[in-house]
Structure formats: structure tokens, C-alpha cells
């Protein structure tokens, strides 16, 4: 099958294979900036004279920015074009990567990572584009699984390479590599991704975007703390909480009156519109920082942990986790239409919580057991849960606004990930301070994770079953 865009027919002629390649390269460019720095936590602390909590907050800023732009960019792509938004996002990623690469202080790294995070819609737009280009549920499920698995890590190569580069040349070398990948992705998207705008001519509800952005930022800062050092609980937390409630009520009232609502009024009571984002927020808050912050921090901690190098921690723990998720993802996506997306999601969340419990009870006392459990978490979360969360975000979206729920769900990934790094990062820092031999902070972080995952499972009970395409 060859796909062309009527507006760019001379520039874009693509087959299903080159389309998939262009989408994968775009997702890879974003993902390298999300995962390759994870093994370099200790290096960033040393080179920028920062604490674990500060480095965790740079990642929190990355995901908060991702959440904000996910609110409206996928829906905007319905109106002005998927390809156009994809290219703008990759351009933003380039700017943020350069700033992060040259950052002289952790404050500048906050800024660079926040700009990078604005590229987050790349992944959601890739799934929407893929959905439009596939004719059967089996084909979509398989290819979706590939893209989502890659979004969780490039088969482990990214973290191994990131750890090795950090050990030899520092964390900035990782950002140079990511910058080159982003430029390649931009060229591939320009050549191979056709334009499509299923809601062309409709207008964006910008007031609705502002109000829901206030909700996103306020919710994140209420629980996870703000960039100015105010942490929960404080008077600022109360203020942010009030802002969330007020903005949320104004948003609902505005949606009922707006001629072009961000969420159509008849969809405000749709269980999927609130249950799907809440499930994603809770799941990401419970899991994201376990592998991407706690594991490398504990493995490299010379007093509380095992004092490994970034390369060793990546090779032994993070790469196997990413690799097995990459392998299992396509099979989970292919199996979901038969078994049920919601059922597989519930299995993935419960089994992930059980694995984290085993980590805190047994794994921290034995590196081999620790590694086996991280590998198993790659199956239950990276290969199953992550695929189901993303797939349901697309499948449960209203047919008259296909970019709506993927946008809200994508924002929820950013909110959850940011909260995870902030909350668990603070727990680690306060309970296992620099130079301390106590593992209390790491244990506390994992128990918090388990409680949050249990709450996520409860919310999945409210999720409706998606309607799926008939295989042709």
C-alpha cells in the first residue's frame, strides 16, 4: 500500500513499511531523551553538584511538560495535520536537547528538560497515524505493540549505551547522541509521513486548553512539589489544590457552553474520559521511577547499595528490563483483541505490584534476585501494562474526536511519571541520604509504589471494554 498526502504529494510518497519506519524513528528520538540519561543519575549529580531529588526533579519537569502539551497537541493534530504537529514537536525537541547538553547548572537542565518534554505528543501522534493506516485489529495490535515497546526502551541498547557513554564521557555525550537521532527522525518524518487531518476546519477550544493545563500543573505541584522548592504538605500545596478544583469546575462549565469544546458535552459523563487517564496517572506514579530512578540509584549507591558503575547497572538491570518489554510488547498487542485489553491491563498492574513487593522483601538483599525481579517487571509492566494503557487510550476515544482521549491519556503519562520521580525521589533522598548506609528510603519508595498500583487496579474496574475493528 502506498500512502500520499494530497497537499504534499510531490514530497511524500510512502509505503506501510516506510511509514512505520518514520514513526518508529520519531518515537526513538523522543525515547532516547527519556531513557538514555537514566543510568547517568550519579554522573549528573556529580557534574552539576546536585542531589538525587534535584536530578529526579529535572525528569519530573520533562514529564510535566510532556503532560501539558499532550493535553491539546494530539487534538490539534486532528485539525491542522498529524505530520505538521509531528515536525513541530521534533523541532522543539532539538532546541531542548541543545540547552540540556550545554546546561552549566541544574537550573538550566530544568529548562532544557522542560522544553524537551514538549515533544511528548510524538508518540501519541504516531499511534493515531498508525491507527488510520491499518486495516485490521491484528495488524494494528502488532505494530502498536512494536511502537509502544520501543517507547519503553530501545531493546535495552539505549540504557547500556547511555551508561557506557556516561562512564567514559559524562552525561552530556548522551545528549549529543540524542540530538543526532532527533535530526535523523525529522528528515524521516518529512519524507515518509503523509499529512492527515480528520477534523480539518474545526477550531481549538483554547480557553479549555488553558483551564485543563492549570489542572495538570496544579495537580502535579500539589502532590509532587513545585520548581521553587515548596513540597507537600505546605501552604503552597493547599493553594495549588484550590486552583485545581476551581479550574476543573470552570473547565466543566465552559465545556457545556463552548461551541467547540475540547471534550464534547455528551462525552463528559463517559467513564473512559476520566477512568482511563486516572488509571494511567496512578500506574505511572507507581512504576516509572522504580526502574528509571530507584534501580540505577540503588545499584550505584556505594554505601546503601552495591556501588556499581553506570555501565554495570545498565547491563545487569535496566537493559534486560527494556529488552524483554521490547520482545513481549508486540505479542501482548496481538493477543489483546482476543483476551481483552482491560483484562490484560489488570493482570499487568497486579503482577507488577507483586514484583515490587518481592523487590523490597527479598531483592534488595541479593543482586541476582534483584536482577531477576527487574526482568520480570519488564514483562508485566514494559511488555503488557504499558501496551494496554496506550492501546486503550486510542481505542476508547470518541469517534468524532479521535485525538481527544489519546491526548488526555498521554498527558496522564506525563503527570504520573513526573509524580513518580518527585515522590519516590524525595522518599529515597530523605530515607537514604548521601553517604548513609540505610536502605530505608529505597524501601519506603517501593511500599509507596505498591499502594499506588493497588489504587490503579481498583480504578480499572470502571473502564469500559473498547470496540475493535473486524479483521479483514
Protein backbone atom coordinates (compact mmCIF):
# COMPACT_ATOMS: atom_id res chain seq x y z
CA UNK A 1 0.00 0.00 0.00
CA UNK A 2 1.28 3.46 -0.90
CA UNK A 3 0.08 6.46 1.03
CA UNK A 4 0.27 10.01 -0.28
CA UNK A 5 -0.84 13.34 1.05
CA UNK A 6 -2.89 15.45 -1.37
CA UNK A 7 -1.18 18.61 -0.10
CA UNK A 8 2.35 17.22 -0.22
CA UNK A 9 2.11 14.63 -2.98
CA UNK A 10 5.44 15.55 -4.59
CA UNK A 11 7.28 15.42 -1.25
CA UNK A 12 5.73 12.44 0.48
CA UNK A 13 5.26 9.01 -1.07
CA UNK A 14 5.40 6.19 1.42
CA UNK A 15 4.64 2.50 1.80
CA UNK A 16 3.36 0.93 5.01
CA UNK A 17 6.95 -0.13 5.76
CA UNK A 18 8.49 3.32 5.35
CA UNK A 19 5.58 4.88 7.25
CA UNK A 20 6.22 2.52 10.16
CA UNK A 21 9.94 3.28 9.94
CA UNK A 22 9.31 7.03 10.01
CA UNK A 23 7.03 6.73 13.03
CA UNK A 24 9.49 4.46 14.85
CA UNK A 25 12.40 6.87 14.27
CA UNK A 26 10.31 9.73 15.65
CA UNK A 27 9.41 7.75 18.76
CA UNK A 28 13.04 6.64 19.16
CA UNK A 29 14.23 10.26 19.08
CA UNK A 30 11.94 11.16 21.96
CA UNK A 31 12.63 7.96 23.86
CA UNK A 32 16.41 8.38 23.80
CA UNK A 33 15.98 11.62 25.73
CA UNK A 34 13.69 9.87 28.22
CA UNK A 35 15.76 6.74 28.91
CA UNK A 36 19.42 7.20 27.98
CA UNK A 37 20.01 9.61 30.85
CA UNK A 38 18.60 7.20 33.44
CA UNK A 39 21.89 5.32 34.04
CA UNK A 40 23.67 8.69 34.34
CA UNK A 41 21.89 9.79 37.53
CA UNK A 42 25.10 9.66 39.58
CA UNK A 43 27.10 11.44 36.86
CA UNK A 44 24.57 14.28 36.64
CA UNK A 45 24.67 14.65 40.41
CA UNK A 46 28.47 14.87 40.38
CA UNK A 47 28.87 17.11 37.31
CA UNK A 48 26.14 19.55 38.37
CA UNK A 49 26.72 19.33 42.16
CA UNK A 50 23.10 18.22 42.65
CA UNK A 51 21.16 15.82 44.88
CA UNK A 52 19.19 12.74 43.83
CA UNK A 53 15.96 14.68 44.44
CA UNK A 54 17.14 17.56 42.19
CA UNK A 55 18.08 15.22 39.35
CA UNK A 56 14.76 13.43 39.80
CA UNK A 57 13.02 16.80 39.52
CA UNK A 58 14.70 17.53 36.15
CA UNK A 59 12.99 14.39 34.89
CA UNK A 60 9.77 15.45 36.60
CA UNK A 61 9.94 18.73 34.64
CA UNK A 62 10.44 16.72 31.44
CA UNK A 63 7.28 14.71 32.08
CA UNK A 64 5.23 17.68 33.31
CA UNK A 65 5.96 19.49 30.05
CA UNK A 66 5.04 16.31 28.18
CA UNK A 67 1.74 16.23 30.05
CA UNK A 68 0.90 19.85 29.26
CA UNK A 69 1.50 19.50 25.53
CA UNK A 70 -0.25 16.13 25.40
CA UNK A 71 -3.43 17.83 26.59
CA UNK A 72 -4.00 19.60 23.28
CA UNK A 73 -1.41 18.72 20.63
CA UNK A 74 -2.93 15.36 19.53
CA UNK A 75 -6.36 17.02 19.26
CA UNK A 76 -4.76 19.95 17.41
CA UNK A 77 -3.20 17.43 15.02
CA UNK A 78 -6.75 16.29 14.17
CA UNK A 79 -7.39 19.82 12.94
CA UNK A 80 -4.16 21.12 11.39
CA UNK A 81 -2.44 17.88 10.43
CA UNK A 82 -0.60 15.00 12.09
CA UNK A 83 2.59 15.47 10.07
CA UNK A 84 2.78 19.20 10.77
CA UNK A 85 2.50 18.70 14.55
CA UNK A 86 4.98 15.82 14.39
CA UNK A 87 7.58 18.02 12.69
CA UNK A 88 6.98 20.94 15.08
CA UNK A 89 7.41 18.59 18.04
CA UNK A 90 10.72 17.24 16.72
CA UNK A 91 11.91 20.81 16.20
CA UNK A 92 11.07 21.64 19.83
CA UNK A 93 12.94 18.53 20.95
CA UNK A 94 16.05 19.71 19.11
CA UNK A 95 16.05 23.07 20.95
CA UNK A 96 15.56 21.43 24.36
CA UNK A 97 18.31 18.90 23.74
CA UNK A 98 20.84 21.61 22.87
CA UNK A 99 20.00 23.56 26.06
CA UNK A 100 20.25 20.41 28.20
CA UNK A 101 23.54 19.47 26.56
CA UNK A 102 25.11 22.86 27.36
CA UNK A 103 23.47 23.31 30.81
CA UNK A 104 26.03 24.81 33.26
CA UNK A 105 23.78 24.28 36.31
CA UNK A 106 20.90 22.07 37.36
CA UNK A 107 18.59 25.08 36.85
CA UNK A 108 19.44 25.21 33.16
CA UNK A 109 18.91 21.46 32.99
CA UNK A 110 15.40 22.04 34.38
CA UNK A 111 14.73 24.41 31.46
CA UNK A 112 16.20 22.15 28.79
CA UNK A 113 14.36 19.08 30.02
CA UNK A 114 11.08 21.01 30.20
CA UNK A 115 11.49 22.08 26.54
CA UNK A 116 12.37 18.52 25.54
CA UNK A 117 9.22 17.21 27.19
CA UNK A 118 7.07 19.32 24.88
CA UNK A 119 7.90 16.75 22.18
CA UNK A 120 5.86 14.14 24.08
CA UNK A 121 2.93 14.18 21.60
CA UNK A 122 5.18 12.50 19.01
CA UNK A 123 4.32 9.10 20.47
CA UNK A 124 0.55 9.67 20.57
CA UNK A 125 0.51 11.10 17.06
CA UNK A 126 2.43 8.04 15.86
CA UNK A 127 -0.27 5.75 17.29
CA UNK A 128 -3.07 7.83 15.76
CA UNK A 129 -1.35 7.84 12.36
CA UNK A 130 -0.79 4.08 12.58
CA UNK A 131 -4.44 3.52 13.53
CA UNK A 132 -5.59 5.32 10.39
CA UNK A 133 -3.15 3.41 8.18
CA UNK A 134 -4.02 -0.16 9.31
CA UNK A 135 -6.98 -2.18 8.14
CA UNK A 136 -7.27 -4.92 10.76
CA UNK A 137 -7.14 -5.12 14.54
CA UNK A 138 -4.45 -7.82 14.41
CA UNK A 139 -2.18 -5.68 12.23
CA UNK A 140 -2.74 -2.62 14.41
CA UNK A 141 -2.20 -4.57 17.62
CA UNK A 142 1.12 -5.99 16.43
CA UNK A 143 2.52 -2.72 15.07
CA UNK A 144 1.16 -0.81 18.06
CA UNK A 145 2.99 -3.25 20.32
CA UNK A 146 6.24 -2.61 18.46
CA UNK A 147 5.97 1.18 18.75
CA UNK A 148 4.86 1.10 22.39
CA UNK A 149 7.60 -1.35 23.34
CA UNK A 150 10.16 0.91 21.68
CA UNK A 151 8.68 3.83 23.58
CA UNK A 152 9.60 1.94 26.75
CA UNK A 153 13.23 1.47 25.70
CA UNK A 154 15.21 0.58 22.59
CA UNK A 155 15.58 -3.12 23.43
CA UNK A 156 17.93 -2.18 26.26
CA UNK A 157 20.57 -0.80 23.90
CA UNK A 158 19.73 2.77 24.91
CA UNK A 159 20.44 2.25 28.61
CA UNK A 160 23.57 0.16 28.01
CA UNK A 161 24.94 2.78 25.62
CA UNK A 162 23.84 5.58 27.95
CA UNK A 163 25.64 4.02 30.91
CA UNK A 164 28.80 3.38 28.88
CA UNK A 165 28.85 6.90 27.43
CA UNK A 166 28.26 8.43 30.88
CA UNK A 167 31.15 6.44 32.36
CA UNK A 168 33.54 7.45 29.56
CA UNK A 169 32.47 10.98 28.52
CA UNK A 170 29.88 12.21 31.01
CA UNK A 171 26.13 12.72 30.66
CA UNK A 172 26.46 15.47 28.02
CA UNK A 173 27.72 12.97 25.45
CA UNK A 174 24.36 11.19 25.71
CA UNK A 175 22.58 14.38 24.69
CA UNK A 176 24.87 14.81 21.67
CA UNK A 177 23.88 11.33 20.54
CA UNK A 178 20.19 12.08 21.12
CA UNK A 179 20.49 15.30 19.12
CA UNK A 180 21.80 13.43 16.07
CA UNK A 181 18.95 10.90 16.37
CA UNK A 182 16.41 13.74 16.50
CA UNK A 183 17.75 15.30 13.30
CA UNK A 184 17.55 11.93 11.53
CA UNK A 185 13.97 11.46 12.77
CA UNK A 186 12.98 14.91 11.49
CA UNK A 187 14.23 14.07 8.00
CA UNK A 188 12.46 10.68 8.04
CA UNK A 189 9.16 12.23 9.15
CA UNK A 190 9.49 14.90 6.48
CA UNK A 191 9.98 12.26 3.75
CA UNK A 192 7.85 9.32 4.87
CA UNK A 193 4.91 10.50 6.99
CA UNK A 194 1.95 11.81 4.96
CA UNK A 195 -0.36 14.55 6.14
CA UNK A 196 -3.78 13.76 7.54
CA UNK A 197 -6.29 15.93 9.38
CA UNK A 198 -9.53 14.05 10.19
CA UNK A 199 -11.07 17.12 11.89
CA UNK A 200 -9.81 19.70 9.42
CA UNK A 201 -11.64 23.01 9.67
CA UNK A 202 -12.67 22.63 13.31
CA UNK A 203 -11.46 25.18 15.87
CA UNK A 204 -9.45 24.52 19.01
CA UNK A 205 -11.00 25.43 22.36
CA UNK A 206 -8.03 27.41 23.65
CA UNK A 207 -9.75 28.57 26.84
CA UNK A 208 -10.46 24.92 27.61
CA UNK A 209 -6.79 24.14 26.96
CA UNK A 210 -5.70 26.86 29.42
CA UNK A 211 -8.06 25.63 32.14
CA UNK A 212 -7.11 21.98 31.83
CA UNK A 213 -3.41 22.94 31.73
CA UNK A 214 -3.90 24.70 35.08
CA UNK A 215 -5.42 21.46 36.37
CA UNK A 216 -2.44 19.43 35.11
CA UNK A 217 0.19 21.76 36.60
CA UNK A 218 -1.74 22.30 39.83
CA UNK A 219 -2.27 18.58 40.38
CA UNK A 220 1.41 17.85 39.80
CA UNK A 221 2.63 20.66 42.07
CA UNK A 222 0.08 19.89 44.79
CA UNK A 223 1.40 16.38 45.36
CA UNK A 224 4.90 16.46 43.90
CA UNK A 225 6.04 19.97 44.81
CA UNK A 226 6.89 22.94 42.60
CA UNK A 227 10.16 24.12 40.97
CA UNK A 228 10.62 26.71 43.71
CA UNK A 229 11.28 24.21 46.49
CA UNK A 230 7.79 24.08 48.04
CA UNK A 231 6.95 20.48 48.89
CA UNK A 232 3.83 18.72 50.11
CA UNK A 233 2.45 19.41 52.67
CA UNK A 234 2.65 23.20 52.76
CA UNK A 235 0.52 26.32 52.33
CA UNK A 236 1.52 26.27 48.66
CA UNK A 237 0.13 22.72 48.34
CA UNK A 238 -3.23 23.96 49.61
CA UNK A 239 -3.15 26.86 47.16
CA UNK A 240 -2.36 24.58 44.22
CA UNK A 241 -5.11 22.19 45.31
CA UNK A 242 -7.65 25.01 45.37
CA UNK A 243 -6.50 26.11 41.91
CA UNK A 244 -7.05 22.57 40.61
CA UNK A 245 -10.62 22.45 41.96
CA UNK A 246 -11.55 25.92 40.68
CA UNK A 247 -10.02 25.35 37.23
CA UNK A 248 -11.67 21.93 37.00
CA UNK A 249 -15.13 23.33 37.77
CA UNK A 250 -14.63 26.22 35.33
CA UNK A 251 -13.47 23.74 32.68
CA UNK A 252 -16.62 21.60 33.02
CA UNK A 253 -18.87 24.68 32.94
CA UNK A 254 -17.04 26.07 29.91
CA UNK A 255 -17.25 22.77 28.03
CA UNK A 256 -21.03 22.77 28.38
CA UNK A 257 -21.28 26.24 26.79
CA UNK A 258 -18.42 26.26 24.27
CA UNK A 259 -19.34 25.91 20.57
CA UNK A 260 -16.07 23.99 20.05
CA UNK A 261 -15.47 22.11 23.31
CA UNK A 262 -12.23 20.27 23.94
CA UNK A 263 -14.37 17.47 25.40
CA UNK A 264 -17.85 17.29 23.77
CA UNK A 265 -20.57 17.80 26.39
CA UNK A 266 -22.10 14.39 25.65
CA UNK A 267 -18.73 12.80 26.50
CA UNK A 268 -18.27 14.42 29.91
CA UNK A 269 -20.07 11.50 31.57
CA UNK A 270 -18.19 8.87 29.55
CA UNK A 271 -16.38 6.59 32.01
CA UNK A 272 -13.44 6.26 29.65
CA UNK A 273 -12.80 10.02 29.70
CA UNK A 274 -11.99 10.04 33.42
CA UNK A 275 -11.20 6.40 34.30
CA UNK A 276 -8.56 5.94 31.59
CA UNK A 277 -6.44 9.00 32.50
CA UNK A 278 -6.76 8.25 36.23
CA UNK A 279 -5.63 4.64 35.70
CA UNK A 280 -2.64 5.86 33.72
CA UNK A 281 -1.66 8.51 36.28
CA UNK A 282 -1.74 6.03 39.16
CA UNK A 283 0.05 3.27 37.25
CA UNK A 284 2.86 5.53 36.07
CA UNK A 285 3.23 7.10 39.52
CA UNK A 286 3.66 3.62 40.95
CA UNK A 287 6.12 2.20 38.43
CA UNK A 288 8.04 4.77 36.39
CA UNK A 289 10.64 5.85 38.95
CA UNK A 290 11.18 2.30 40.24
CA UNK A 291 13.20 1.23 37.21
CA UNK A 292 14.32 4.61 35.91
CA UNK A 293 15.45 6.16 39.21
CA UNK A 294 15.43 3.75 42.15
CA UNK A 295 17.18 0.85 40.39
CA UNK A 296 20.15 2.82 38.97
CA UNK A 297 20.44 4.90 42.14
CA UNK A 298 20.46 1.85 44.43
CA UNK A 299 22.79 -0.17 42.21
CA UNK A 300 25.32 2.69 42.01
CA UNK A 301 24.99 3.80 45.66
CA UNK A 302 28.39 2.99 47.24
CA UNK A 303 27.08 2.82 50.82
CA UNK A 304 23.44 1.72 50.81
CA UNK A 305 23.64 -0.26 47.55
CA UNK A 306 26.21 -2.19 45.55
CA UNK A 307 28.43 0.64 44.28
CA UNK A 308 28.25 -0.42 40.63
CA UNK A 309 29.28 1.70 37.66
CA UNK A 310 26.62 3.16 35.37
CA UNK A 311 27.62 0.65 32.68
CA UNK A 312 27.27 -2.34 35.01
CA UNK A 313 23.92 -1.16 36.39
CA UNK A 314 22.60 -0.67 32.85
CA UNK A 315 23.86 -4.02 31.60
CA UNK A 316 22.68 -6.09 34.57
CA UNK A 317 19.36 -4.47 35.41
CA UNK A 318 17.99 -1.85 33.02
CA UNK A 319 18.87 -3.40 29.66
CA UNK A 320 17.22 -6.79 30.38
CA UNK A 321 14.11 -4.94 31.59
CA UNK A 322 13.90 -2.93 28.36
CA UNK A 323 14.77 -5.90 26.12
CA UNK A 324 12.08 -8.21 27.45
CA UNK A 325 9.49 -5.42 27.26
CA UNK A 326 10.50 -4.84 23.66
CA UNK A 327 10.06 -8.56 22.89
CA UNK A 328 6.80 -9.11 24.77
CA UNK A 329 5.05 -5.90 23.65
CA UNK A 330 4.11 -6.98 20.09
CA UNK A 331 2.75 -10.32 21.36
CA UNK A 332 0.70 -8.58 24.06
CA UNK A 333 -0.71 -6.20 21.44
CA UNK A 334 -1.59 -9.11 19.15
CA UNK A 335 -3.21 -11.08 21.99
CA UNK A 336 -5.21 -8.16 23.44
CA UNK A 337 -8.16 -8.28 20.97
CA UNK A 338 -8.76 -11.94 21.91
CA UNK A 339 -8.11 -11.84 25.67
CA UNK A 340 -9.34 -8.29 26.29
CA UNK A 341 -7.39 -5.07 26.70
CA UNK A 342 -8.82 -4.28 30.15
CA UNK A 343 -8.27 -7.81 31.46
CA UNK A 344 -4.63 -7.83 30.35
CA UNK A 345 -4.17 -4.38 31.90
CA UNK A 346 -5.46 -5.63 35.24
CA UNK A 347 -3.18 -8.67 35.16
CA UNK A 348 -0.20 -6.46 34.33
CA UNK A 349 -0.85 -3.99 37.16
CA UNK A 350 -1.41 -6.65 39.85
CA UNK A 351 1.62 -8.70 38.84
CA UNK A 352 3.79 -5.55 38.76
CA UNK A 353 2.73 -4.71 42.32
CA UNK A 354 3.60 -8.24 43.44
CA UNK A 355 7.05 -7.98 41.86
CA UNK A 356 7.80 -4.65 43.57
CA UNK A 357 6.78 -6.25 46.88
CA UNK A 358 9.25 -9.08 46.23
CA UNK A 359 11.94 -6.50 45.43
CA UNK A 360 11.61 -4.77 48.79
CA UNK A 361 11.29 -8.01 50.78
CA UNK A 362 13.96 -10.11 49.07
CA UNK A 363 15.57 -8.40 46.09
CA UNK A 364 17.47 -5.65 47.90
CA UNK A 365 19.47 -8.27 49.78
CA UNK A 366 20.69 -10.17 46.71
CA UNK A 367 21.78 -8.68 43.40
CA UNK A 368 20.89 -11.79 41.39
CA UNK A 369 17.34 -11.94 42.76
CA UNK A 370 17.07 -8.18 42.25
CA UNK A 371 18.01 -8.58 38.58
CA UNK A 372 15.53 -11.43 38.03
CA UNK A 373 12.71 -9.37 39.53
CA UNK A 374 13.55 -6.33 37.38
CA UNK A 375 13.48 -8.64 34.34
CA UNK A 376 10.04 -9.90 35.39
CA UNK A 377 8.85 -6.31 35.80
CA UNK A 378 9.89 -5.74 32.20
CA UNK A 379 7.35 -8.41 31.19
CA UNK A 380 4.48 -7.30 33.41
CA UNK A 381 4.84 -3.54 33.02
CA UNK A 382 7.02 -2.86 29.94
CA UNK A 383 5.56 -5.66 27.83
CA UNK A 384 1.92 -5.81 28.99
CA UNK A 385 0.71 -2.91 31.16
CA UNK A 386 2.35 -0.14 29.13
CA UNK A 387 0.99 -1.53 25.85
CA UNK A 388 -2.55 -1.84 27.23
CA UNK A 389 -2.54 1.69 28.69
CA UNK A 390 -1.51 3.21 25.37
CA UNK A 391 -3.75 0.98 23.27
CA UNK A 392 -6.85 1.69 25.34
CA UNK A 393 -6.16 5.42 25.13
CA UNK A 394 -6.62 5.20 21.36
CA UNK A 395 -9.39 2.59 21.24
CA UNK A 396 -11.67 4.25 23.83
CA UNK A 397 -11.51 7.72 22.27
CA UNK A 398 -14.77 9.15 20.83
CA UNK A 399 -15.03 8.59 17.07
CA UNK A 400 -15.85 12.27 16.48
CA UNK A 401 -12.66 13.38 18.28
CA UNK A 402 -10.04 10.64 17.78
CA UNK A 403 -7.20 12.71 19.26
CA UNK A 404 -9.08 13.60 22.45
CA UNK A 405 -8.53 10.66 24.78
CA UNK A 406 -5.04 9.82 23.46
CA UNK A 407 -4.13 13.42 24.30
CA UNK A 408 -5.59 13.26 27.81
CA UNK A 409 -4.09 9.81 28.33
CA UNK A 410 -0.71 10.97 27.07
CA UNK A 411 -0.86 13.90 29.47
CA UNK A 412 -1.62 11.40 32.22
CA UNK A 413 1.57 9.51 31.39
CA UNK A 414 3.47 12.76 31.89
CA UNK A 415 1.66 13.60 35.13
CA UNK A 416 2.16 10.11 36.53
CA UNK A 417 5.81 9.90 35.54
CA UNK A 418 6.55 13.35 36.96
CA UNK A 419 4.81 12.50 40.24
CA UNK A 420 6.68 9.20 40.38
CA UNK A 421 10.11 10.80 40.06
CA UNK A 422 9.23 13.55 42.52
CA UNK A 423 7.51 11.46 45.20
CA UNK A 424 9.80 8.44 45.08
CA UNK A 425 12.87 10.65 44.61
CA UNK A 426 12.03 12.56 47.79
CA UNK A 427 11.43 9.30 49.67
CA UNK A 428 14.83 7.97 48.61
CA UNK A 429 16.68 11.19 49.45
CA UNK A 430 15.08 11.61 52.88
CA UNK A 431 15.45 7.98 53.94
CA UNK A 432 18.79 7.16 52.32
CA UNK A 433 20.71 10.43 52.32
CA UNK A 434 24.06 10.76 50.53
CA UNK A 435 26.71 8.85 52.45
CA UNK A 436 24.17 6.92 54.51
CA UNK A 437 24.24 3.12 54.56
CA UNK A 438 20.48 2.98 55.26
CA UNK A 439 18.21 1.42 52.65
CA UNK A 440 15.15 2.90 54.37
CA UNK A 441 14.46 5.46 51.65
CA UNK A 442 14.50 2.84 48.91
CA UNK A 443 12.20 0.54 50.90
CA UNK A 444 9.76 3.36 51.64
CA UNK A 445 9.64 4.32 47.96
CA UNK A 446 8.74 0.77 46.97
CA UNK A 447 5.97 0.44 49.56
CA UNK A 448 4.53 3.73 48.29
CA UNK A 449 4.68 2.27 44.78
CA UNK A 450 2.75 -0.85 45.82
CA UNK A 451 -0.06 1.16 47.43
CA UNK A 452 -0.42 3.37 44.35
CA UNK A 453 -0.55 0.35 42.00
CA UNK A 454 -3.30 -1.19 44.14
CA UNK A 455 -5.31 2.02 43.70
CA UNK A 456 -4.71 1.90 39.92
CA UNK A 457 -6.11 -1.64 39.76
CA UNK A 458 -9.27 -0.54 41.56
CA UNK A 459 -9.85 2.24 39.01
CA UNK A 460 -9.54 -0.24 36.10
CA UNK A 461 -12.82 -1.79 37.29
CA UNK A 462 -14.58 1.31 35.92
CA UNK A 463 -13.04 1.03 32.42
CA UNK A 464 -15.44 0.09 29.59
CA UNK A 465 -14.48 -2.54 27.03
CA UNK A 466 -13.32 -1.00 23.72
CA UNK A 467 -14.94 -1.67 20.36
CA UNK A 468 -12.46 -3.10 17.89
CA UNK A 469 -12.15 -3.43 14.13
CA UNK A 470 -13.16 -6.64 12.40
CA UNK A 471 -10.17 -8.37 10.82
CA UNK A 472 -10.34 -8.22 7.06
